[in-house]
Amino acid sequence: STSSAGAARIFLEFGWEDLDAVMVGTIEGLAGARPRAIRMVGGAAYAL
């Protein structure tokens, strides 16, 4: 199912842990899309 709260989430997962320009740039790139609640849970399978 999809609730309004569920639809608002975007899970971000990166293949590395340290903060860098690509990770920051990806998050900044989302600013041009529709508003979303960003979540980084540290597990791609769990998020999927």
All heavy atoms as atom14 arrays in JSON, in Angstrom:
{
  "sequence": "STSSAGAARIFLEFGWEDLDAVMVGTIEGLAGARPRAIRMVGGAAYAL",
  "atom14_mask": [
    [1, 1, 1, 1, 1, 1, 0, 0, 0, 0, 0, 0, 0, 0],
    [1, 1, 1, 1, 1, 1, 1, 0, 0, 0, 0, 0, 0, 0],
    [1, 1, 1, 1, 1, 1, 0, 0, 0, 0, 0, 0, 0, 0],
    [1, 1, 1, 1, 1, 1, 0, 0, 0, 0, 0, 0, 0, 0],
    [1, 1, 1, 1, 1, 0, 0, 0, 0, 0, 0, 0, 0, 0],
    [1, 1, 1, 1, 0, 0, 0, 0, 0, 0, 0, 0, 0, 0],
    [1, 1, 1, 1, 1, 0, 0, 0, 0, 0, 0, 0, 0, 0],
    [1, 1, 1, 1, 1, 0, 0, 0, 0, 0, 0, 0, 0, 0],
    [1, 1, 1, 1, 1, 1, 1, 1, 1, 1, 1, 0, 0, 0],
    [1, 1, 1, 1, 1, 1, 1, 1, 0, 0, 0, 0, 0, 0],
    [1, 1, 1, 1, 1, 1, 1, 1, 1, 1, 1, 0, 0, 0],
    [1, 1, 1, 1, 1, 1, 1, 1, 0, 0, 0, 0, 0, 0],
    [1, 1, 1, 1, 1, 1, 1, 1, 1, 0, 0, 0, 0, 0],
    [1, 1, 1, 1, 1, 1, 1, 1, 1, 1, 1, 0, 0, 0],
    [1, 1, 1, 1, 0, 0, 0, 0, 0, 0, 0, 0, 0, 0],
    [1, 1, 1, 1, 1, 1, 1, 1, 1, 1, 1, 1, 1, 1],
    [1, 1, 1, 1, 1, 1, 1, 1, 1, 0, 0, 0, 0, 0],
    [1, 1, 1, 1, 1, 1, 1, 1, 0, 0, 0, 0, 0, 0],
    [1, 1, 1, 1, 1, 1, 1, 1, 0, 0, 0, 0, 0, 0],
    [1, 1, 1, 1, 1, 1, 1, 1, 0, 0, 0, 0, 0, 0],
    [1, 1, 1, 1, 1, 0, 0, 0, 0, 0, 0, 0, 0, 0],
    [1, 1, 1, 1, 1, 1, 1, 0, 0, 0, 0, 0, 0, 0],
    [1, 1, 1, 1, 1, 1, 1, 1, 0, 0, 0, 0, 0, 0],
    [1, 1, 1, 1, 1, 1, 1, 0, 0, 0, 0, 0, 0, 0],
    [1, 1, 1, 1, 0, 0, 0, 0, 0, 0, 0, 0, 0, 0],
    [1, 1, 1, 1, 1, 1, 1, 0, 0, 0, 0, 0, 0, 0],
    [1, 1, 1, 1, 1, 1, 1, 1, 0, 0, 0, 0, 0, 0],
    [1, 1, 1, 1, 1, 1, 1, 1, 1, 0, 0, 0, 0, 0],
    [1, 1, 1, 1, 0, 0, 0, 0, 0, 0, 0, 0, 0, 0],
    [1, 1, 1, 1, 1, 1, 1, 1, 0, 0, 0, 0, 0, 0],
    [1, 1, 1, 1, 1, 0, 0, 0, 0, 0, 0, 0, 0, 0],
    [1, 1, 1, 1, 0, 0, 0, 0, 0, 0, 0, 0, 0, 0],
    [1, 1, 1, 1, 1, 0, 0, 0, 0, 0, 0, 0, 0, 0],
    [1, 1, 1, 1, 1, 1, 1, 1, 1, 1, 1, 0, 0, 0],
    [1, 1, 1, 1, 1, 1, 1, 0, 0, 0, 0, 0, 0, 0],
    [1, 1, 1, 1, 1, 1, 1, 1, 1, 1, 1, 0, 0, 0],
    [1, 1, 1, 1, 1, 0, 0, 0, 0, 0, 0, 0, 0, 0],
    [1, 1, 1, 1, 1, 1, 1, 1, 0, 0, 0, 0, 0, 0],
    [1, 1, 1, 1, 1, 1, 1, 1, 1, 1, 1, 0, 0, 0],
    [1, 1, 1, 1, 1, 1, 1, 1, 0, 0, 0, 0, 0, 0],
    [1, 1, 1, 1, 1, 1, 1, 0, 0, 0, 0, 0, 0, 0],
    [1, 1, 1, 1, 0, 0, 0, 0, 0, 0, 0, 0, 0, 0],
    [1, 1, 1, 1, 0, 0, 0, 0, 0, 0, 0, 0, 0, 0],
    [1, 1, 1, 1, 1, 0, 0, 0, 0, 0, 0, 0, 0, 0],
    [1, 1, 1, 1, 1, 0, 0, 0, 0, 0, 0, 0, 0, 0],
    [1, 1, 1, 1, 1, 1, 1, 1, 1, 1, 1, 1, 0, 0],
    [1, 1, 1, 1, 1, 0, 0, 0, 0, 0, 0, 0, 0, 0],
    [1, 1, 1, 1, 1, 1, 1, 1, 0, 0, 0, 0, 0, 0]
  ],
  "atom14_positions": [
    [[0.85, -1.18, 0.0], [0.0, 0.0, 0.0], [0.89, 1.23, 0.0], [2.09, 1.15, 0.23], [-0.92, 0.01, 1.22], [-0.15, 0.08, 2.41], [0.0, 0.0, 0.0], [0.0, 0.0, 0.0], [0.0, 0.0, 0.0], [0.0, 0.0, 0.0], [0.0, 0.0, 0.0], [0.0, 0.0, 0.0], [0.0, 0.0, 0.0], [0.0, 0.0, 0.0]],
    [[0.28, 2.37, -0.24], [1.02, 3.63, -0.21], [0.17, 4.68, 0.48], [-0.87, 5.08, -0.04], [1.39, 4.1, -1.63], [2.16, 3.1, -2.28], [2.21, 5.38, -1.55], [0.0, 0.0, 0.0], [0.0, 0.0, 0.0], [0.0, 0.0, 0.0], [0.0, 0.0, 0.0], [0.0, 0.0, 0.0], [0.0, 0.0, 0.0], [0.0, 0.0, 0.0]],
    [[0.6, 5.13, 1.63], [-0.05, 6.24, 2.31], [0.62, 7.54, 1.87], [1.67, 7.54, 1.22], [0.08, 6.07, 3.82], [1.44, 6.18, 4.2], [0.0, 0.0, 0.0], [0.0, 0.0, 0.0], [0.0, 0.0, 0.0], [0.0, 0.0, 0.0], [0.0, 0.0, 0.0], [0.0, 0.0, 0.0], [0.0, 0.0, 0.0], [0.0, 0.0, 0.0]],
    [[0.03, 8.65, 2.24], [0.65, 9.94, 1.91], [2.01, 10.08, 2.58], [2.96, 10.63, 2.01], [-0.27, 11.09, 2.31], [-0.56, 11.03, 3.7], [0.0, 0.0, 0.0], [0.0, 0.0, 0.0], [0.0, 0.0, 0.0], [0.0, 0.0, 0.0], [0.0, 0.0, 0.0], [0.0, 0.0, 0.0], [0.0, 0.0, 0.0], [0.0, 0.0, 0.0]],
    [[2.12, 9.56, 3.81], [3.41, 9.61, 4.5], [4.42, 8.71, 3.82], [5.59, 9.08, 3.65], [3.22, 9.19, 5.96], [0.0, 0.0, 0.0], [0.0, 0.0, 0.0], [0.0, 0.0, 0.0], [0.0, 0.0, 0.0], [0.0, 0.0, 0.0], [0.0, 0.0, 0.0], [0.0, 0.0, 0.0], [0.0, 0.0, 0.0], [0.0, 0.0, 0.0]],
    [[4.0, 7.52, 3.42], [4.92, 6.61, 2.74], [5.4, 7.18, 1.42], [6.58, 7.08, 1.07], [0.0, 0.0, 0.0], [0.0, 0.0, 0.0], [0.0, 0.0, 0.0], [0.0, 0.0, 0.0], [0.0, 0.0, 0.0], [0.0, 0.0, 0.0], [0.0, 0.0, 0.0], [0.0, 0.0, 0.0], [0.0, 0.0, 0.0], [0.0, 0.0, 0.0]],
    [[4.49, 7.8, 0.68], [4.85, 8.37, -0.62], [5.83, 9.52, -0.5], [6.56, 9.83, -1.45], [3.59, 8.84, -1.35], [0.0, 0.0, 0.0], [0.0, 0.0, 0.0], [0.0, 0.0, 0.0], [0.0, 0.0, 0.0], [0.0, 0.0, 0.0], [0.0, 0.0, 0.0], [0.0, 0.0, 0.0], [0.0, 0.0, 0.0], [0.0, 0.0, 0.0]],
    [[5.88, 10.17, 0.66], [6.74, 11.33, 0.85], [8.21, 10.96, 1.04], [9.08, 11.81, 0.92], [6.27, 12.14, 2.05], [0.0, 0.0, 0.0], [0.0, 0.0, 0.0], [0.0, 0.0, 0.0], [0.0, 0.0, 0.0], [0.0, 0.0, 0.0], [0.0, 0.0, 0.0], [0.0, 0.0, 0.0], [0.0, 0.0, 0.0], [0.0, 0.0, 0.0]],
    [[8.49, 9.69, 1.31], [9.85, 9.31, 1.66], [10.7, 9.04, 0.43], [10.23, 8.5, -0.56], [9.84, 8.03, 2.51], [8.99, 8.1, 3.75], [8.88, 6.74, 4.42], [8.43, 5.72, 3.48], [8.38, 4.42, 3.76], [8.77, 3.98, 4.94], [7.95, 3.55, 2.87], [0.0, 0.0, 0.0], [0.0, 0.0, 0.0], [0.0, 0.0, 0.0]],
    [[11.98, 9.39, 0.5], [12.96, 8.93, -0.47], [14.15, 8.38, 0.31], [14.76, 9.06, 1.14], [13.39, 10.01, -1.47], [14.44, 9.45, -2.43], [13.89, 11.27, -0.78], [14.71, 10.32, -3.63], [0.0, 0.0, 0.0], [0.0, 0.0, 0.0], [0.0, 0.0, 0.0], [0.0, 0.0, 0.0], [0.0, 0.0, 0.0], [0.0, 0.0, 0.0]],
    [[14.43, 7.12, 0.09], [15.57, 6.46, 0.73], [16.79, 6.61, -0.17], [16.74, 6.25, -1.36], [15.28, 4.97, 0.94], [14.21, 4.69, 1.96], [12.89, 4.58, 1.58], [14.54, 4.53, 3.3], [11.89, 4.32, 2.52], [13.56, 4.27, 4.25], [12.23, 4.16, 3.86], [0.0, 0.0, 0.0], [0.0, 0.0, 0.0], [0.0, 0.0, 0.0]],
    [[17.87, 7.12, 0.38], [19.12, 7.28, -0.36], [20.13, 6.26, 0.17], [20.33, 6.14, 1.37], [19.69, 8.68, -0.18], [18.79, 9.86, -0.58], [19.55, 11.17, -0.38], [18.33, 9.72, -2.02], [0.0, 0.0, 0.0], [0.0, 0.0, 0.0], [0.0, 0.0, 0.0], [0.0, 0.0, 0.0], [0.0, 0.0, 0.0], [0.0, 0.0, 0.0]],
    [[20.74, 5.54, -0.75], [21.79, 4.6, -0.38], [22.97, 4.75, -1.34], [22.79, 4.8, -2.56], [21.27, 3.15, -0.42], [20.22, 2.84, 0.62], [20.75, 2.91, 2.05], [21.96, 2.67, 2.25], [19.95, 3.21, 2.96], [0.0, 0.0, 0.0], [0.0, 0.0, 0.0], [0.0, 0.0, 0.0], [0.0, 0.0, 0.0], [0.0, 0.0, 0.0]],
    [[24.16, 4.85, -0.75], [25.37, 5.03, -1.53], [26.33, 3.87, -1.24], [26.31, 3.32, -0.13], [26.04, 6.36, -1.19], [25.17, 7.56, -1.46], [24.37, 8.1, -0.45], [25.14, 8.15, -2.71], [23.56, 9.2, -0.69], [24.33, 9.26, -2.96], [23.54, 9.78, -1.94], [0.0, 0.0, 0.0], [0.0, 0.0, 0.0], [0.0, 0.0, 0.0]],
    [[27.15, 3.55, -2.2], [28.07, 2.43, -2.05], [29.32, 2.78, -1.29], [30.32, 2.06, -1.36], [0.0, 0.0, 0.0], [0.0, 0.0, 0.0], [0.0, 0.0, 0.0], [0.0, 0.0, 0.0], [0.0, 0.0, 0.0], [0.0, 0.0, 0.0], [0.0, 0.0, 0.0], [0.0, 0.0, 0.0], [0.0, 0.0, 0.0], [0.0, 0.0, 0.0]],
    [[29.31, 3.87, -0.57], [30.43, 4.28, 0.26], [29.85, 5.02, 1.46], [28.69, 5.44, 1.45], [31.4, 5.17, -0.52], [30.84, 6.49, -0.95], [31.01, 7.7, -0.34], [29.99, 6.76, -2.09], [30.34, 8.7, -1.01], [29.71, 8.15, -2.1], [29.45, 5.97, -3.1], [28.92, 8.76, -3.07], [28.65, 6.57, -4.06], [28.4, 7.94, -4.04]],
    [[30.63, 5.18, 2.51], [30.13, 5.76, 3.76], [30.57, 7.2, 3.98], [29.86, 7.98, 4.62], [30.6, 4.91, 4.96], [30.09, 3.48, 4.94], [28.64, 3.36, 5.35], [28.05, 4.37, 5.72], [28.11, 2.24, 5.31], [0.0, 0.0, 0.0], [0.0, 0.0, 0.0], [0.0, 0.0, 0.0], [0.0, 0.0, 0.0], [0.0, 0.0, 0.0]],
    [[31.77, 7.56, 3.49], [32.3, 8.89, 3.81], [31.63, 9.96, 2.96], [31.35, 9.79, 1.79], [33.83, 8.92, 3.6], [34.24, 8.32, 2.28], [33.6, 7.35, 1.84], [35.21, 8.82, 1.67], [0.0, 0.0, 0.0], [0.0, 0.0, 0.0], [0.0, 0.0, 0.0], [0.0, 0.0, 0.0], [0.0, 0.0, 0.0], [0.0, 0.0, 0.0]],
    [[31.35, 11.09, 3.59], [30.68, 12.21, 2.92], [31.61, 12.81, 1.87], [32.76, 13.14, 2.16], [30.3, 13.26, 3.97], [29.43, 14.42, 3.49], [28.05, 13.92, 3.1], [29.33, 15.47, 4.6], [0.0, 0.0, 0.0], [0.0, 0.0, 0.0], [0.0, 0.0, 0.0], [0.0, 0.0, 0.0], [0.0, 0.0, 0.0], [0.0, 0.0, 0.0]],
    [[31.11, 12.96, 0.65], [31.93, 13.56, -0.4], [31.05, 14.41, -1.3], [29.84, 14.56, -1.08], [32.69, 12.5, -1.2], [31.77, 11.62, -2.05], [30.54, 11.75, -1.96], [32.3, 10.79, -2.81], [0.0, 0.0, 0.0], [0.0, 0.0, 0.0], [0.0, 0.0, 0.0], [0.0, 0.0, 0.0], [0.0, 0.0, 0.0], [0.0, 0.0, 0.0]],
    [[31.65, 14.99, -2.35], [30.93, 15.93, -3.21], [29.8, 15.26, -3.96], [28.77, 15.9, -4.25], [31.91, 16.57, -4.19], [0.0, 0.0, 0.0], [0.0, 0.0, 0.0], [0.0, 0.0, 0.0], [0.0, 0.0, 0.0], [0.0, 0.0, 0.0], [0.0, 0.0, 0.0], [0.0, 0.0, 0.0], [0.0, 0.0, 0.0], [0.0, 0.0, 0.0]],
    [[29.96, 13.97, -4.32], [28.91, 13.27, -5.06], [27.7, 13.06, -4.17], [26.55, 13.27, -4.58], [29.43, 11.94, -5.62], [28.29, 11.13, -6.24], [30.51, 12.19, -6.66], [0.0, 0.0, 0.0], [0.0, 0.0, 0.0], [0.0, 0.0, 0.0], [0.0, 0.0, 0.0], [0.0, 0.0, 0.0], [0.0, 0.0, 0.0], [0.0, 0.0, 0.0]],
    [[27.93, 12.64, -2.93], [26.81, 12.44, -2.01], [26.08, 13.75, -1.75], [24.85, 13.81, -1.81], [27.33, 11.84, -0.69], [26.22, 11.35, 0.23], [26.85, 10.66, 1.79], [27.7, 9.18, 1.21], [0.0, 0.0, 0.0], [0.0, 0.0, 0.0], [0.0, 0.0, 0.0], [0.0, 0.0, 0.0], [0.0, 0.0, 0.0], [0.0, 0.0, 0.0]],
    [[26.84, 14.8, -1.49], [26.22, 16.12, -1.25], [25.52, 16.62, -2.5], [24.4, 17.14, -2.44], [27.29, 17.13, -0.78], [26.69, 18.53, -0.7], [27.86, 16.72, 0.57], [0.0, 0.0, 0.0], [0.0, 0.0, 0.0], [0.0, 0.0, 0.0], [0.0, 0.0, 0.0], [0.0, 0.0, 0.0], [0.0, 0.0, 0.0], [0.0, 0.0, 0.0]],
    [[26.15, 16.43, -3.66], [25.55, 16.88, -4.91], [24.26, 16.16, -5.23], [23.31, 16.76, -5.74], [0.0, 0.0, 0.0], [0.0, 0.0, 0.0], [0.0, 0.0, 0.0], [0.0, 0.0, 0.0], [0.0, 0.0, 0.0], [0.0, 0.0, 0.0], [0.0, 0.0, 0.0], [0.0, 0.0, 0.0], [0.0, 0.0, 0.0], [0.0, 0.0, 0.0]],
    [[24.22, 14.86, -4.94], [22.99, 14.11, -5.16], [21.85, 14.67, -4.31], [20.72, 14.85, -4.78], [23.21, 12.62, -4.84], [24.25, 12.11, -5.67], [21.94, 11.82, -5.07], [0.0, 0.0, 0.0], [0.0, 0.0, 0.0], [0.0, 0.0, 0.0], [0.0, 0.0, 0.0], [0.0, 0.0, 0.0], [0.0, 0.0, 0.0], [0.0, 0.0, 0.0]],
    [[22.14, 14.93, -3.05], [21.12, 15.48, -2.16], [20.69, 16.87, -2.64], [19.49, 17.19, -2.67], [21.65, 15.53, -0.71], [21.89, 14.1, -0.2], [20.65, 16.24, 0.19], [22.61, 14.03, 1.13], [0.0, 0.0, 0.0], [0.0, 0.0, 0.0], [0.0, 0.0, 0.0], [0.0, 0.0, 0.0], [0.0, 0.0, 0.0], [0.0, 0.0, 0.0]],
    [[21.66, 17.68, -3.06], [21.31, 19.01, -3.58], [20.48, 18.89, -4.86], [19.57, 19.69, -5.1], [22.58, 19.8, -3.85], [23.3, 20.25, -2.59], [24.56, 21.04, -2.89], [25.06, 20.94, -4.05], [25.05, 21.75, -2.0], [0.0, 0.0, 0.0], [0.0, 0.0, 0.0], [0.0, 0.0, 0.0], [0.0, 0.0, 0.0], [0.0, 0.0, 0.0]],
    [[20.79, 17.88, -5.68], [20.04, 17.67, -6.91], [18.57, 17.37, -6.66], [17.72, 17.66, -7.51], [0.0, 0.0, 0.0], [0.0, 0.0, 0.0], [0.0, 0.0, 0.0], [0.0, 0.0, 0.0], [0.0, 0.0, 0.0], [0.0, 0.0, 0.0], [0.0, 0.0, 0.0], [0.0, 0.0, 0.0], [0.0, 0.0, 0.0], [0.0, 0.0, 0.0]],
    [[18.27, 16.8, -5.51], [16.89, 16.5, -5.18], [16.09, 17.76, -4.85], [14.86, 17.72, -4.83], [16.83, 15.54, -3.98], [17.43, 14.15, -4.22], [17.42, 13.36, -2.93], [16.68, 13.41, -5.31], [0.0, 0.0, 0.0], [0.0, 0.0, 0.0], [0.0, 0.0, 0.0], [0.0, 0.0, 0.0], [0.0, 0.0, 0.0], [0.0, 0.0, 0.0]],
    [[16.79, 18.85, -4.59], [16.09, 20.09, -4.24], [15.25, 20.61, -5.4], [14.27, 21.34, -5.19], [17.1, 21.15, -3.81], [0.0, 0.0, 0.0], [0.0, 0.0, 0.0], [0.0, 0.0, 0.0], [0.0, 0.0, 0.0], [0.0, 0.0, 0.0], [0.0, 0.0, 0.0], [0.0, 0.0, 0.0], [0.0, 0.0, 0.0], [0.0, 0.0, 0.0]],
    [[15.61, 20.23, -6.62], [14.84, 20.66, -7.78], [13.65, 19.77, -8.07], [12.84, 20.09, -8.94], [0.0, 0.0, 0.0], [0.0, 0.0, 0.0], [0.0, 0.0, 0.0], [0.0, 0.0, 0.0], [0.0, 0.0, 0.0], [0.0, 0.0, 0.0], [0.0, 0.0, 0.0], [0.0, 0.0, 0.0], [0.0, 0.0, 0.0], [0.0, 0.0, 0.0]],
    [[13.54, 18.65, -7.36], [12.41, 17.75, -7.55], [11.32, 18.1, -6.53], [11.44, 19.04, -5.76], [12.87, 16.3, -7.39], [0.0, 0.0, 0.0], [0.0, 0.0, 0.0], [0.0, 0.0, 0.0], [0.0, 0.0, 0.0], [0.0, 0.0, 0.0], [0.0, 0.0, 0.0], [0.0, 0.0, 0.0], [0.0, 0.0, 0.0], [0.0, 0.0, 0.0]],
    [[10.25, 17.3, -6.55], [9.17, 17.58, -5.59], [9.67, 17.35, -4.15], [10.58, 16.55, -3.93], [7.96, 16.71, -5.88], [8.16, 15.21, -5.65], [6.85, 14.47, -5.9], [7.01, 13.03, -5.85], [6.95, 12.32, -4.73], [6.78, 12.92, -3.56], [7.08, 11.0, -4.78], [0.0, 0.0, 0.0], [0.0, 0.0, 0.0], [0.0, 0.0, 0.0]],
    [[9.08, 18.02, -3.18], [9.54, 17.87, -1.79], [9.42, 16.42, -1.32], [8.42, 15.75, -1.57], [8.6, 18.79, -1.01], [8.1, 19.77, -2.02], [8.01, 19.02, -3.3], [0.0, 0.0, 0.0], [0.0, 0.0, 0.0], [0.0, 0.0, 0.0], [0.0, 0.0, 0.0], [0.0, 0.0, 0.0], [0.0, 0.0, 0.0], [0.0, 0.0, 0.0]],
    [[10.46, 15.95, -0.63], [10.48, 14.6, -0.1], [11.14, 14.6, 1.27], [11.96, 15.47, 1.57], [11.25, 13.65, -1.02], [10.57, 13.31, -2.34], [11.47, 12.4, -3.15], [10.81, 11.84, -4.32], [10.77, 12.43, -5.51], [11.34, 13.61, -5.67], [10.17, 11.84, -6.52], [0.0, 0.0, 0.0], [0.0, 0.0, 0.0], [0.0, 0.0, 0.0]],
    [[10.8, 13.6, 2.06], [11.47, 13.39, 3.34], [12.61, 12.41, 3.11], [12.38, 11.24, 2.79], [10.48, 12.83, 4.37], [0.0, 0.0, 0.0], [0.0, 0.0, 0.0], [0.0, 0.0, 0.0], [0.0, 0.0, 0.0], [0.0, 0.0, 0.0], [0.0, 0.0, 0.0], [0.0, 0.0, 0.0], [0.0, 0.0, 0.0], [0.0, 0.0, 0.0]],
    [[13.84, 12.89, 3.26], [15.01, 12.07, 2.96], [15.32, 11.15, 4.13], [15.34, 11.57, 5.28], [16.22, 12.96, 2.63], [15.98, 13.71, 1.31], [17.5, 12.13, 2.55], [17.07, 14.68, 0.96], [0.0, 0.0, 0.0], [0.0, 0.0, 0.0], [0.0, 0.0, 0.0], [0.0, 0.0, 0.0], [0.0, 0.0, 0.0], [0.0, 0.0, 0.0]],
    [[15.57, 9.88, 3.8], [15.97, 8.89, 4.8], [17.2, 8.14, 4.28], [17.24, 7.72, 3.13], [14.83, 7.89, 5.06], [13.61, 8.52, 5.74], [13.93, 8.96, 7.15], [12.79, 9.56, 7.83], [12.55, 10.86, 7.87], [13.37, 11.7, 7.23], [11.52, 11.34, 8.54], [0.0, 0.0, 0.0], [0.0, 0.0, 0.0], [0.0, 0.0, 0.0]],
    [[18.2, 7.98, 5.16], [19.39, 7.18, 4.85], [19.54, 6.16, 5.99], [19.98, 6.5, 7.07], [20.63, 8.07, 4.73], [20.52, 9.09, 3.61], [21.92, 10.25, 3.52], [23.26, 9.14, 3.07], [0.0, 0.0, 0.0], [0.0, 0.0, 0.0], [0.0, 0.0, 0.0], [0.0, 0.0, 0.0], [0.0, 0.0, 0.0], [0.0, 0.0, 0.0]],
    [[19.13, 4.93, 5.73], [19.09, 3.93, 6.79], [20.33, 3.04, 6.81], [20.52, 2.27, 7.76], [17.82, 3.05, 6.7], [16.58, 3.9, 6.82], [17.8, 2.25, 5.39], [0.0, 0.0, 0.0], [0.0, 0.0, 0.0], [0.0, 0.0, 0.0], [0.0, 0.0, 0.0], [0.0, 0.0, 0.0], [0.0, 0.0, 0.0], [0.0, 0.0, 0.0]],
    [[21.16, 3.13, 5.78], [22.39, 2.34, 5.78], [22.19, 0.88, 5.43], [23.03, 0.05, 5.77], [0.0, 0.0, 0.0], [0.0, 0.0, 0.0], [0.0, 0.0, 0.0], [0.0, 0.0, 0.0], [0.0, 0.0, 0.0], [0.0, 0.0, 0.0], [0.0, 0.0, 0.0], [0.0, 0.0, 0.0], [0.0, 0.0, 0.0], [0.0, 0.0, 0.0]],
    [[21.11, 0.57, 4.73], [20.86, -0.8, 4.28], [19.94, -0.78, 3.08], [18.74, -0.5, 3.22], [0.0, 0.0, 0.0], [0.0, 0.0, 0.0], [0.0, 0.0, 0.0], [0.0, 0.0, 0.0], [0.0, 0.0, 0.0], [0.0, 0.0, 0.0], [0.0, 0.0, 0.0], [0.0, 0.0, 0.0], [0.0, 0.0, 0.0], [0.0, 0.0, 0.0]],
    [[20.48, -1.06, 1.89], [19.68, -0.96, 0.67], [18.54, -1.95, 0.66], [17.41, -1.61, 0.27], [20.58, -1.17, -0.55], [0.0, 0.0, 0.0], [0.0, 0.0, 0.0], [0.0, 0.0, 0.0], [0.0, 0.0, 0.0], [0.0, 0.0, 0.0], [0.0, 0.0, 0.0], [0.0, 0.0, 0.0], [0.0, 0.0, 0.0], [0.0, 0.0, 0.0]],
    [[18.79, -3.19, 1.06], [17.74, -4.2, 1.04], [16.6, -3.83, 1.98], [15.42, -3.99, 1.65], [18.32, -5.57, 1.4], [0.0, 0.0, 0.0], [0.0, 0.0, 0.0], [0.0, 0.0, 0.0], [0.0, 0.0, 0.0], [0.0, 0.0, 0.0], [0.0, 0.0, 0.0], [0.0, 0.0, 0.0], [0.0, 0.0, 0.0], [0.0, 0.0, 0.0]],
    [[16.95, -3.34, 3.16], [15.95, -2.91, 4.15], [15.09, -1.78, 3.57], [13.86, -1.8, 3.68], [16.67, -2.45, 5.41], [15.79, -2.05, 6.56], [15.34, -2.98, 7.49], [15.42, -0.72, 6.75], [14.55, -2.6, 8.57], [14.63, -0.33, 7.82], [14.21, -1.27, 8.73], [13.42, -0.89, 9.79], [0.0, 0.0, 0.0], [0.0, 0.0, 0.0]],
    [[15.74, -0.81, 2.94], [15.01, 0.31, 2.35], [14.11, -0.15, 1.22], [12.97, 0.3, 1.09], [16.0, 1.37, 1.86], [0.0, 0.0, 0.0], [0.0, 0.0, 0.0], [0.0, 0.0, 0.0], [0.0, 0.0, 0.0], [0.0, 0.0, 0.0], [0.0, 0.0, 0.0], [0.0, 0.0, 0.0], [0.0, 0.0, 0.0], [0.0, 0.0, 0.0]],
    [[14.59, -1.06, 0.38], [13.8, -1.53, -0.75], [12.55, -2.28, -0.3], [11.48, -2.15, -0.91], [14.66, -2.42, -1.65], [15.61, -1.66, -2.57], [16.65, -2.61, -3.16], [14.84, -0.95, -3.68], [0.0, 0.0, 0.0], [0.0, 0.0, 0.0], [0.0, 0.0, 0.0], [0.0, 0.0, 0.0], [0.0, 0.0, 0.0], [0.0, 0.0, 0.0]]
  ]
}
